[in-house]
Amino acid sequence: MARMKEKEYQRELRRLHGELVALQEWVKDSGAKICILFEGRDTAGKGGTIKAITERVSPRTFRVIALAAPTERERSQMFIQRYIPHLPAAGEVVIFDRSWYNRAGVERVMGYCTDQQAKDFLQVVPEVERAIVNSGVILVKYWLEVSPEEQTRRLENRIHDPRKVWKLSDLDLKSYSRWFDYSRARDDMFRATDTAWAPWHVAHTDDKKRGRLNIITHLLATVPYKPLPKHDVTLPKRQKPHGYEEPQLAVRRIPTPF
């Protein structure tokens, strides 16, 4: 299938942005709690998809959580403990750009935890997620999958694009060589944590534009929101100046080269 053209993508994204705003207003009005996890291969497009979702909504309602490496104190805690405070309260949508599933993926593959710790995590996390769902949170889990050829192309692009060099870490390079280790870890994760109350949803994202639109469409179909009635809005009259004159303030103005 040919890659989606930019014009078609922007037309569909504009329509979906309107629906995401409707979802946002329903969340605020109903007090719904939505938690969305994004996991997947390096370069699979998690960040771009999250940006597409949040581009036209309020950051006060849609919060994006991308945790840095754990501190010494956090490493001594129960693994999932540092994620729990970020779960949504009423009227919030929380998006995790990688989540507690780090333990099932990068930590396991790269040796940051033991095999036993990874197995213990996979055994415990379904019941933790059951408790999250039973508390009223709508939990949606996405895995973004990219082909090895497309991953190579995207990593090479990062090497040569000064806008993207920050996306290329030493860990990314080490991970790149362990494709099948990640595949095995992913498969184990799916077997253990693809549950009736918190299933995984897999999106293929070799075509980033189609992938983003498919994920947003699926999210909107998964959450049982109802658009609120539209309000008629009329701008009020602006007050008269009553003698006010704009002063010549001695402030530093930025240059205007364009």
C-alpha atoms as a PDB file:
ATOM      1  CA  MET A   1       0.000   0.000   0.000  1.00  0.00           C
ATOM      2  CA  ALA A   2       1.334   3.447  -0.945  1.00  0.00           C
ATOM      3  CA  ARG A   3       2.232   5.776   1.897  1.00  0.00           C
ATOM      4  CA  MET A   4      -0.422   8.315   2.769  1.00  0.00           C
ATOM      5  CA  LYS A   5      -0.038  11.765   1.227  1.00  0.00           C
ATOM      6  CA  GLU A   6       0.401  14.755   3.520  1.00  0.00           C
ATOM      7  CA  LYS A   7      -2.739  16.526   2.281  1.00  0.00           C
ATOM      8  CA  GLU A   8      -4.960  13.511   2.954  1.00  0.00           C
ATOM      9  CA  TYR A   9      -3.298  12.982   6.329  1.00  0.00           C
ATOM     10  CA  GLN A  10      -3.857  16.571   7.447  1.00  0.00           C
ATOM     11  CA  ARG A  11      -7.508  16.465   6.330  1.00  0.00           C
ATOM     12  CA  GLU A  12      -8.215  13.314   8.367  1.00  0.00           C
ATOM     13  CA  LEU A  13      -6.169  14.531  11.338  1.00  0.00           C
ATOM     14  CA  ARG A  14      -8.121  17.785  11.440  1.00  0.00           C
ATOM     15  CA  ARG A  15     -11.381  15.836  11.653  1.00  0.00           C
ATOM     16  CA  LEU A  16     -10.009  13.556  14.387  1.00  0.00           C
ATOM     17  CA  HIS A  17      -8.697  16.544  16.338  1.00  0.00           C
ATOM     18  CA  GLY A  18     -12.272  17.793  16.535  1.00  0.00           C
ATOM     19  CA  GLU A  19     -13.331  14.440  17.988  1.00  0.00           C
ATOM     20  CA  LEU A  20     -10.457  14.489  20.488  1.00  0.00           C
ATOM     21  CA  VAL A  21     -11.634  17.901  21.696  1.00  0.00           C
ATOM     22  CA  ALA A  22     -15.138  16.444  22.067  1.00  0.00           C
ATOM     23  CA  LEU A  23     -13.610  13.578  24.056  1.00  0.00           C
ATOM     24  CA  GLN A  24     -11.757  16.078  26.245  1.00  0.00           C
ATOM     25  CA  GLU A  25     -14.915  18.036  27.057  1.00  0.00           C
ATOM     26  CA  TRP A  26     -16.758  14.801  27.890  1.00  0.00           C
ATOM     27  CA  VAL A  27     -13.914  13.722  30.184  1.00  0.00           C
ATOM     28  CA  LYS A  28     -14.042  17.024  32.064  1.00  0.00           C
ATOM     29  CA  ASP A  29     -17.833  16.977  32.305  1.00  0.00           C
ATOM     30  CA  SER A  30     -18.210  13.315  33.278  1.00  0.00           C
ATOM     31  CA  GLY A  31     -15.171  12.986  35.529  1.00  0.00           C
ATOM     32  CA  ALA A  32     -13.888  10.061  33.478  1.00  0.00           C
ATOM     33  CA  LYS A  33     -10.362   8.753  34.085  1.00  0.00           C
ATOM     34  CA  ILE A  34      -8.410   7.562  31.046  1.00  0.00           C
ATOM     35  CA  CYS A  35      -4.908   6.072  31.053  1.00  0.00           C
ATOM     36  CA  ILE A  36      -3.169   5.316  27.732  1.00  0.00           C
ATOM     37  CA  LEU A  37       0.096   3.376  27.536  1.00  0.00           C
ATOM     38  CA  PHE A  38       2.385   3.575  24.515  1.00  0.00           C
ATOM     39  CA  GLU A  39       4.998   0.867  24.142  1.00  0.00           C
ATOM     40  CA  GLY A  40       6.819  -0.517  21.119  1.00  0.00           C
ATOM     41  CA  ARG A  41       9.983  -0.846  19.136  1.00  0.00           C
ATOM     42  CA  ASP A  42      12.492   1.995  19.073  1.00  0.00           C
ATOM     43  CA  THR A  43      11.576   4.417  16.244  1.00  0.00           C
ATOM     44  CA  ALA A  44       8.065   2.938  15.962  1.00  0.00           C
ATOM     45  CA  GLY A  45       6.532   6.406  16.312  1.00  0.00           C
ATOM     46  CA  LYS A  46       5.326   6.626  19.918  1.00  0.00           C
ATOM     47  CA  GLY A  47       6.363  10.253  20.329  1.00  0.00           C
ATOM     48  CA  GLY A  48       4.865  11.378  17.021  1.00  0.00           C
ATOM     49  CA  THR A  49       1.594   9.629  17.775  1.00  0.00           C
ATOM     50  CA  ILE A  50       1.380  11.236  21.207  1.00  0.00           C
ATOM     51  CA  LYS A  51       2.041  14.658  19.660  1.00  0.00           C
ATOM     52  CA  ALA A  52      -0.710  14.046  17.105  1.00  0.00           C
ATOM     53  CA  ILE A  53      -3.148  13.174  19.917  1.00  0.00           C
ATOM     54  CA  THR A  54      -2.269  16.142  22.129  1.00  0.00           C
ATOM     55  CA  GLU A  55      -1.716  18.825  19.484  1.00  0.00           C
ATOM     56  CA  ARG A  56      -5.154  20.454  19.831  1.00  0.00           C
ATOM     57  CA  VAL A  57      -6.221  19.558  23.357  1.00  0.00           C
ATOM     58  CA  SER A  58      -5.457  21.111  26.718  1.00  0.00           C
ATOM     59  CA  PRO A  59      -2.337  19.959  28.605  1.00  0.00           C
ATOM     60  CA  ARG A  60      -4.374  20.467  31.777  1.00  0.00           C
ATOM     61  CA  THR A  61      -6.606  17.580  30.744  1.00  0.00           C
ATOM     62  CA  PHE A  62      -4.195  15.498  28.633  1.00  0.00           C
ATOM     63  CA  ARG A  63      -1.026  14.914  30.649  1.00  0.00           C
ATOM     64  CA  VAL A  64       1.958  13.182  29.039  1.00  0.00           C
ATOM     65  CA  ILE A  65       4.238  11.211  31.367  1.00  0.00           C
ATOM     66  CA  ALA A  66       7.726  10.282  30.163  1.00  0.00           C
ATOM     67  CA  LEU A  67       9.769   9.313  33.203  1.00  0.00           C
ATOM     68  CA  ALA A  68      13.544   9.557  33.268  1.00  0.00           C
ATOM     69  CA  ALA A  69      15.784   6.793  34.597  1.00  0.00           C
ATOM     70  CA  PRO A  70      14.872   5.921  38.212  1.00  0.00           C
ATOM     71  CA  THR A  71      16.723   7.563  41.080  1.00  0.00           C
ATOM     72  CA  GLU A  72      18.552   5.542  43.709  1.00  0.00           C
ATOM     73  CA  ARG A  73      15.538   5.827  45.995  1.00  0.00           C
ATOM     74  CA  GLU A  74      13.129   4.778  43.242  1.00  0.00           C
ATOM     75  CA  ARG A  75      15.277   1.748  42.437  1.00  0.00           C
ATOM     76  CA  SER A  76      14.735   0.572  46.006  1.00  0.00           C
ATOM     77  CA  GLN A  77      10.943   0.777  45.684  1.00  0.00           C
ATOM     78  CA  MET A  78       8.469  -1.731  44.325  1.00  0.00           C
ATOM     79  CA  PHE A  79       9.022  -1.390  40.576  1.00  0.00           C
ATOM     80  CA  ILE A  80       5.583  -0.107  39.608  1.00  0.00           C
ATOM     81  CA  GLN A  81       5.442   2.253  42.593  1.00  0.00           C
ATOM     82  CA  ARG A  82       6.839   5.329  40.855  1.00  0.00           C
ATOM     83  CA  TYR A  83       4.195   5.136  38.138  1.00  0.00           C
ATOM     84  CA  ILE A  84       1.180   4.962  40.445  1.00  0.00           C
ATOM     85  CA  PRO A  85       1.177   8.681  41.469  1.00  0.00           C
ATOM     86  CA  HIS A  86       0.806   9.663  37.798  1.00  0.00           C
ATOM     87  CA  LEU A  87      -2.429   7.730  37.233  1.00  0.00           C
ATOM     88  CA  PRO A  88      -5.365   9.960  36.279  1.00  0.00           C
ATOM     89  CA  ALA A  89      -7.784  11.583  38.671  1.00  0.00           C
ATOM     90  CA  ALA A  90     -11.346  12.427  37.658  1.00  0.00           C
ATOM     91  CA  GLY A  91     -11.462  14.552  34.500  1.00  0.00           C
ATOM     92  CA  GLU A  92      -7.972  13.620  33.298  1.00  0.00           C
ATOM     93  CA  VAL A  93      -6.373  11.727  30.445  1.00  0.00           C
ATOM     94  CA  VAL A  94      -2.863  10.477  31.216  1.00  0.00           C
ATOM     95  CA  ILE A  95      -0.615   9.238  28.409  1.00  0.00           C
ATOM     96  CA  PHE A  96       2.481   7.233  29.314  1.00  0.00           C
ATOM     97  CA  ASP A  97       5.316   7.496  26.789  1.00  0.00           C
ATOM     98  CA  ARG A  98       6.688   4.146  27.923  1.00  0.00           C
ATOM     99  CA  SER A  99       5.372   2.838  31.189  1.00  0.00           C
ATOM    100  CA  TRP A 100       5.816   0.141  33.815  1.00  0.00           C
ATOM    101  CA  TYR A 101       6.341  -2.237  30.897  1.00  0.00           C
ATOM    102  CA  ASN A 102       9.946  -1.023  30.741  1.00  0.00           C
ATOM    103  CA  ARG A 103      10.627  -3.965  33.039  1.00  0.00           C
ATOM    104  CA  ALA A 104       9.246  -6.445  30.511  1.00  0.00           C
ATOM    105  CA  GLY A 105      11.165  -4.845  27.634  1.00  0.00           C
ATOM    106  CA  VAL A 106      14.292  -2.736  27.790  1.00  0.00           C
ATOM    107  CA  GLU A 107      15.229  -3.652  31.368  1.00  0.00           C
ATOM    108  CA  ARG A 108      14.938  -7.359  30.663  1.00  0.00           C
ATOM    109  CA  VAL A 109      16.720  -7.285  27.290  1.00  0.00           C
ATOM    110  CA  MET A 110      19.528  -4.958  28.369  1.00  0.00           C
ATOM    111  CA  GLY A 111      20.156  -6.689  31.683  1.00  0.00           C
ATOM    112  CA  TYR A 112      18.965  -3.889  33.979  1.00  0.00           C
ATOM    113  CA  CYS A 113      16.918  -6.430  35.899  1.00  0.00           C
ATOM    114  CA  THR A 114      17.246 -10.168  36.430  1.00  0.00           C
ATOM    115  CA  ASP A 115      15.158 -12.735  34.582  1.00  0.00           C
ATOM    116  CA  GLN A 116      13.454 -13.559  37.865  1.00  0.00           C
ATOM    117  CA  GLN A 117      12.533  -9.914  38.448  1.00  0.00           C
ATOM    118  CA  ALA A 118      11.049  -9.745  34.950  1.00  0.00           C
ATOM    119  CA  LYS A 119       9.067 -12.951  35.518  1.00  0.00           C
ATOM    120  CA  ASP A 120       7.811 -11.693  38.877  1.00  0.00           C
ATOM    121  CA  PHE A 121       6.715  -8.460  37.219  1.00  0.00           C
ATOM    122  CA  LEU A 122       4.784 -10.277  34.492  1.00  0.00           C
ATOM    123  CA  GLN A 123       3.047 -12.376  37.130  1.00  0.00           C
ATOM    124  CA  VAL A 124       2.021  -9.414  39.273  1.00  0.00           C
ATOM    125  CA  VAL A 125       1.126  -6.714  36.742  1.00  0.00           C
ATOM    126  CA  PRO A 126      -2.187  -8.192  35.484  1.00  0.00           C
ATOM    127  CA  GLU A 127      -3.631  -7.973  38.993  1.00  0.00           C
ATOM    128  CA  VAL A 128      -2.287  -4.446  39.433  1.00  0.00           C
ATOM    129  CA  GLU A 129      -3.986  -3.473  36.177  1.00  0.00           C
ATOM    130  CA  ARG A 130      -7.182  -5.191  37.322  1.00  0.00           C
ATOM    131  CA  ALA A 131      -7.116  -2.987  40.424  1.00  0.00           C
ATOM    132  CA  ILE A 132      -6.532   0.113  38.256  1.00  0.00           C
ATOM    133  CA  VAL A 133      -9.477  -0.771  36.021  1.00  0.00           C
ATOM    134  CA  ASN A 134     -11.696  -1.638  39.005  1.00  0.00           C
ATOM    135  CA  SER A 135     -10.980   1.842  40.397  1.00  0.00           C
ATOM    136  CA  GLY A 136     -12.769   3.317  37.367  1.00  0.00           C
ATOM    137  CA  VAL A 137      -9.816   4.007  35.066  1.00  0.00           C
ATOM    138  CA  ILE A 138     -10.251   3.301  31.358  1.00  0.00           C
ATOM    139  CA  LEU A 139      -6.907   1.636  30.591  1.00  0.00           C
ATOM    140  CA  VAL A 140      -5.822   1.406  26.938  1.00  0.00           C
ATOM    141  CA  LYS A 141      -2.518  -0.266  26.005  1.00  0.00           C
ATOM    142  CA  TYR A 142      -0.871   0.218  22.595  1.00  0.00           C
ATOM    143  CA  TRP A 143       2.109  -1.586  21.133  1.00  0.00           C
ATOM    144  CA  LEU A 144       3.611   0.079  18.049  1.00  0.00           C
ATOM    145  CA  GLU A 145       5.357  -2.319  15.694  1.00  0.00           C
ATOM    146  CA  VAL A 146       7.792  -1.375  12.915  1.00  0.00           C
ATOM    147  CA  SER A 147       9.642  -3.589  10.446  1.00  0.00           C
ATOM    148  CA  PRO A 148      13.417  -4.098  10.806  1.00  0.00           C
ATOM    149  CA  GLU A 149      14.003  -2.377   7.454  1.00  0.00           C
ATOM    150  CA  GLU A 150      11.980   0.672   8.433  1.00  0.00           C
ATOM    151  CA  GLN A 151      13.668   0.840  11.833  1.00  0.00           C
ATOM    152  CA  THR A 152      17.069   0.874  10.122  1.00  0.00           C
ATOM    153  CA  ARG A 153      15.957   3.652   7.779  1.00  0.00           C
ATOM    154  CA  ARG A 154      14.677   5.793  10.644  1.00  0.00           C
ATOM    155  CA  LEU A 155      17.776   5.333  12.787  1.00  0.00           C
ATOM    156  CA  GLU A 156      20.025   6.240   9.873  1.00  0.00           C
ATOM    157  CA  ASN A 157      17.898   9.328   9.331  1.00  0.00           C
ATOM    158  CA  ARG A 158      18.426  10.327  12.956  1.00  0.00           C
ATOM    159  CA  ILE A 159      22.175  10.051  12.541  1.00  0.00           C
ATOM    160  CA  HIS A 160      22.196  12.602   9.720  1.00  0.00           C
ATOM    161  CA  ASP A 161      19.395  14.972  10.805  1.00  0.00           C
ATOM    162  CA  PRO A 162      20.505  17.639  13.349  1.00  0.00           C
ATOM    163  CA  ARG A 163      16.899  17.991  14.498  1.00  0.00           C
ATOM    164  CA  LYS A 164      16.751  14.350  15.559  1.00  0.00           C
ATOM    165  CA  VAL A 165      20.181  13.564  17.003  1.00  0.00           C
ATOM    166  CA  TRP A 166      18.758  13.885  20.529  1.00  0.00           C
ATOM    167  CA  LYS A 167      16.569  10.858  19.745  1.00  0.00           C
ATOM    168  CA  LEU A 168      19.604   8.637  19.156  1.00  0.00           C
ATOM    169  CA  SER A 169      21.125   7.373  22.397  1.00  0.00           C
ATOM    170  CA  ASP A 170      23.783   4.782  23.143  1.00  0.00           C
ATOM    171  CA  LEU A 171      20.971   2.580  24.422  1.00  0.00           C
ATOM    172  CA  ASP A 172      19.180   2.842  21.060  1.00  0.00           C
ATOM    173  CA  LEU A 173      22.291   1.603  19.286  1.00  0.00           C
ATOM    174  CA  LYS A 174      22.704  -1.328  21.680  1.00  0.00           C
ATOM    175  CA  SER A 175      19.014  -2.165  21.393  1.00  0.00           C
ATOM    176  CA  TYR A 176      19.170  -2.097  17.591  1.00  0.00           C
ATOM    177  CA  SER A 177      21.424  -5.170  17.550  1.00  0.00           C
ATOM    178  CA  ARG A 178      19.013  -7.167  19.748  1.00  0.00           C
ATOM    179  CA  TRP A 179      15.932  -7.284  17.531  1.00  0.00           C
ATOM    180  CA  PHE A 180      15.028 -10.901  18.301  1.00  0.00           C
ATOM    181  CA  ASP A 181      15.697 -10.562  22.029  1.00  0.00           C
ATOM    182  CA  TYR A 182      13.098  -7.780  22.006  1.00  0.00           C
ATOM    183  CA  SER A 183      10.753  -9.965  19.948  1.00  0.00           C
ATOM    184  CA  ARG A 184      10.964 -12.752  22.535  1.00  0.00           C
ATOM    185  CA  ALA A 185      10.451 -10.284  25.394  1.00  0.00           C
ATOM    186  CA  ARG A 186       7.446  -8.775  23.604  1.00  0.00           C
ATOM    187  CA  ASP A 187       5.910 -12.205  23.041  1.00  0.00           C
ATOM    188  CA  ASP A 188       6.341 -13.149  26.712  1.00  0.00           C
ATOM    189  CA  MET A 189       4.775  -9.833  27.714  1.00  0.00           C
ATOM    190  CA  PHE A 190       1.756 -10.362  25.481  1.00  0.00           C
ATOM    191  CA  ARG A 191       1.214 -13.891  26.762  1.00  0.00           C
ATOM    192  CA  ALA A 192       1.275 -12.760  30.390  1.00  0.00           C
ATOM    193  CA  THR A 193      -0.492  -9.385  30.243  1.00  0.00           C
ATOM    194  CA  ASP A 194      -2.975  -9.460  27.352  1.00  0.00           C
ATOM    195  CA  THR A 195      -6.009  -9.765  29.607  1.00  0.00           C
ATOM    196  CA  ALA A 196      -9.741  -9.320  29.194  1.00  0.00           C
ATOM    197  CA  TRP A 197      -9.667  -6.215  31.414  1.00  0.00           C
ATOM    198  CA  ALA A 198      -6.488  -4.688  29.932  1.00  0.00           C
ATOM    199  CA  PRO A 199      -5.849  -6.072  26.425  1.00  0.00           C
ATOM    200  CA  TRP A 200      -3.006  -5.054  24.134  1.00  0.00           C
ATOM    201  CA  HIS A 201      -3.715  -3.308  20.834  1.00  0.00           C
ATOM    202  CA  VAL A 202      -1.018  -3.638  18.164  1.00  0.00           C
ATOM    203  CA  ALA A 203      -0.536  -0.958  15.498  1.00  0.00           C
ATOM    204  CA  HIS A 204       1.823  -1.363  12.542  1.00  0.00           C
ATOM    205  CA  THR A 205       3.483   1.963  11.865  1.00  0.00           C
ATOM    206  CA  ASP A 206       5.815   1.607   8.879  1.00  0.00           C
ATOM    207  CA  ASP A 207       3.563   4.317   7.432  1.00  0.00           C
ATOM    208  CA  LYS A 208       3.610   6.800  10.300  1.00  0.00           C
ATOM    209  CA  LYS A 209       0.675   8.834   9.030  1.00  0.00           C
ATOM    210  CA  ARG A 210      -1.644   5.848   8.637  1.00  0.00           C
ATOM    211  CA  GLY A 211      -0.470   4.467  11.976  1.00  0.00           C
ATOM    212  CA  ARG A 212      -1.291   7.671  13.847  1.00  0.00           C
ATOM    213  CA  LEU A 213      -4.726   7.980  12.277  1.00  0.00           C
ATOM    214  CA  ASN A 214      -5.521   4.317  12.971  1.00  0.00           C
ATOM    215  CA  ILE A 215      -4.527   4.639  16.626  1.00  0.00           C
ATOM    216  CA  ILE A 216      -6.538   7.833  17.187  1.00  0.00           C
ATOM    217  CA  THR A 217      -9.555   6.308  15.444  1.00  0.00           C
ATOM    218  CA  HIS A 218      -9.279   3.198  17.607  1.00  0.00           C
ATOM    219  CA  LEU A 219      -8.916   5.263  20.794  1.00  0.00           C
ATOM    220  CA  LEU A 220     -12.039   7.264  19.976  1.00  0.00           C
ATOM    221  CA  ALA A 221     -13.945   4.035  19.310  1.00  0.00           C
ATOM    222  CA  THR A 222     -12.694   2.460  22.555  1.00  0.00           C
ATOM    223  CA  VAL A 223     -13.688   5.258  24.945  1.00  0.00           C
ATOM    224  CA  PRO A 224     -17.492   5.516  25.324  1.00  0.00           C
ATOM    225  CA  TYR A 225     -17.624   9.322  25.121  1.00  0.00           C
ATOM    226  CA  LYS A 226     -20.597  11.365  23.979  1.00  0.00           C
ATOM    227  CA  PRO A 227     -20.094  14.845  22.497  1.00  0.00           C
ATOM    228  CA  LEU A 228     -21.667  17.529  24.651  1.00  0.00           C
ATOM    229  CA  PRO A 229     -24.280  19.893  23.187  1.00  0.00           C
ATOM    230  CA  LYS A 230     -22.712  22.899  21.510  1.00  0.00           C
ATOM    231  CA  HIS A 231     -23.225  26.298  23.112  1.00  0.00           C
ATOM    232  CA  ASP A 232     -24.078  29.384  21.108  1.00  0.00           C
ATOM    233  CA  VAL A 233     -21.286  31.875  21.777  1.00  0.00           C
ATOM    234  CA  THR A 234     -21.431  35.605  21.038  1.00  0.00           C
ATOM    235  CA  LEU A 235     -18.477  37.854  21.760  1.00  0.00           C
ATOM    236  CA  PRO A 236     -19.354  40.680  24.157  1.00  0.00           C
ATOM    237  CA  LYS A 237     -18.725  44.285  23.224  1.00  0.00           C
ATOM    238  CA  ARG A 238     -15.234  45.493  24.091  1.00  0.00           C
ATOM    239  CA  GLN A 239     -15.057  48.407  26.539  1.00  0.00           C
ATOM    240  CA  LYS A 240     -14.301  51.919  25.329  1.00  0.00           C
ATOM    241  CA  PRO A 241     -10.846  53.384  26.055  1.00  0.00           C
ATOM    242  CA  HIS A 242     -12.125  56.227  28.241  1.00  0.00           C
ATOM    243  CA  GLY A 243      -9.002  58.281  27.576  1.00  0.00           C
ATOM    244  CA  TYR A 244      -6.443  55.441  27.625  1.00  0.00           C
ATOM    245  CA  GLU A 245      -3.495  55.915  25.239  1.00  0.00           C
ATOM    246  CA  GLU A 246      -0.864  53.287  24.402  1.00  0.00           C
ATOM    247  CA  PRO A 247       2.424  54.389  26.057  1.00  0.00           C
ATOM    248  CA  GLN A 248       5.854  54.263  24.445  1.00  0.00           C
ATOM    249  CA  LEU A 249       7.347  51.763  26.870  1.00  0.00           C
ATOM    250  CA  ALA A 250      11.130  51.511  27.148  1.00  0.00           C
ATOM    251  CA  VAL A 251      11.272  47.742  26.700  1.00  0.00           C
ATOM    252  CA  ARG A 252      13.543  45.555  24.647  1.00  0.00           C
ATOM    253  CA  ARG A 253      11.807  44.440  21.485  1.00  0.00           C
ATOM    254  CA  ILE A 254      12.946  41.405  19.595  1.00  0.00           C
ATOM    255  CA  PRO A 255      14.344  41.995  16.083  1.00  0.00           C
ATOM    256  CA  THR A 256      12.026  41.277  13.153  1.00  0.00           C
ATOM    257  CA  PRO A 257      14.153  39.685  10.409  1.00  0.00           C
ATOM    258  CA  PHE A 258      11.141  38.030   8.765  1.00  0.00           C
END
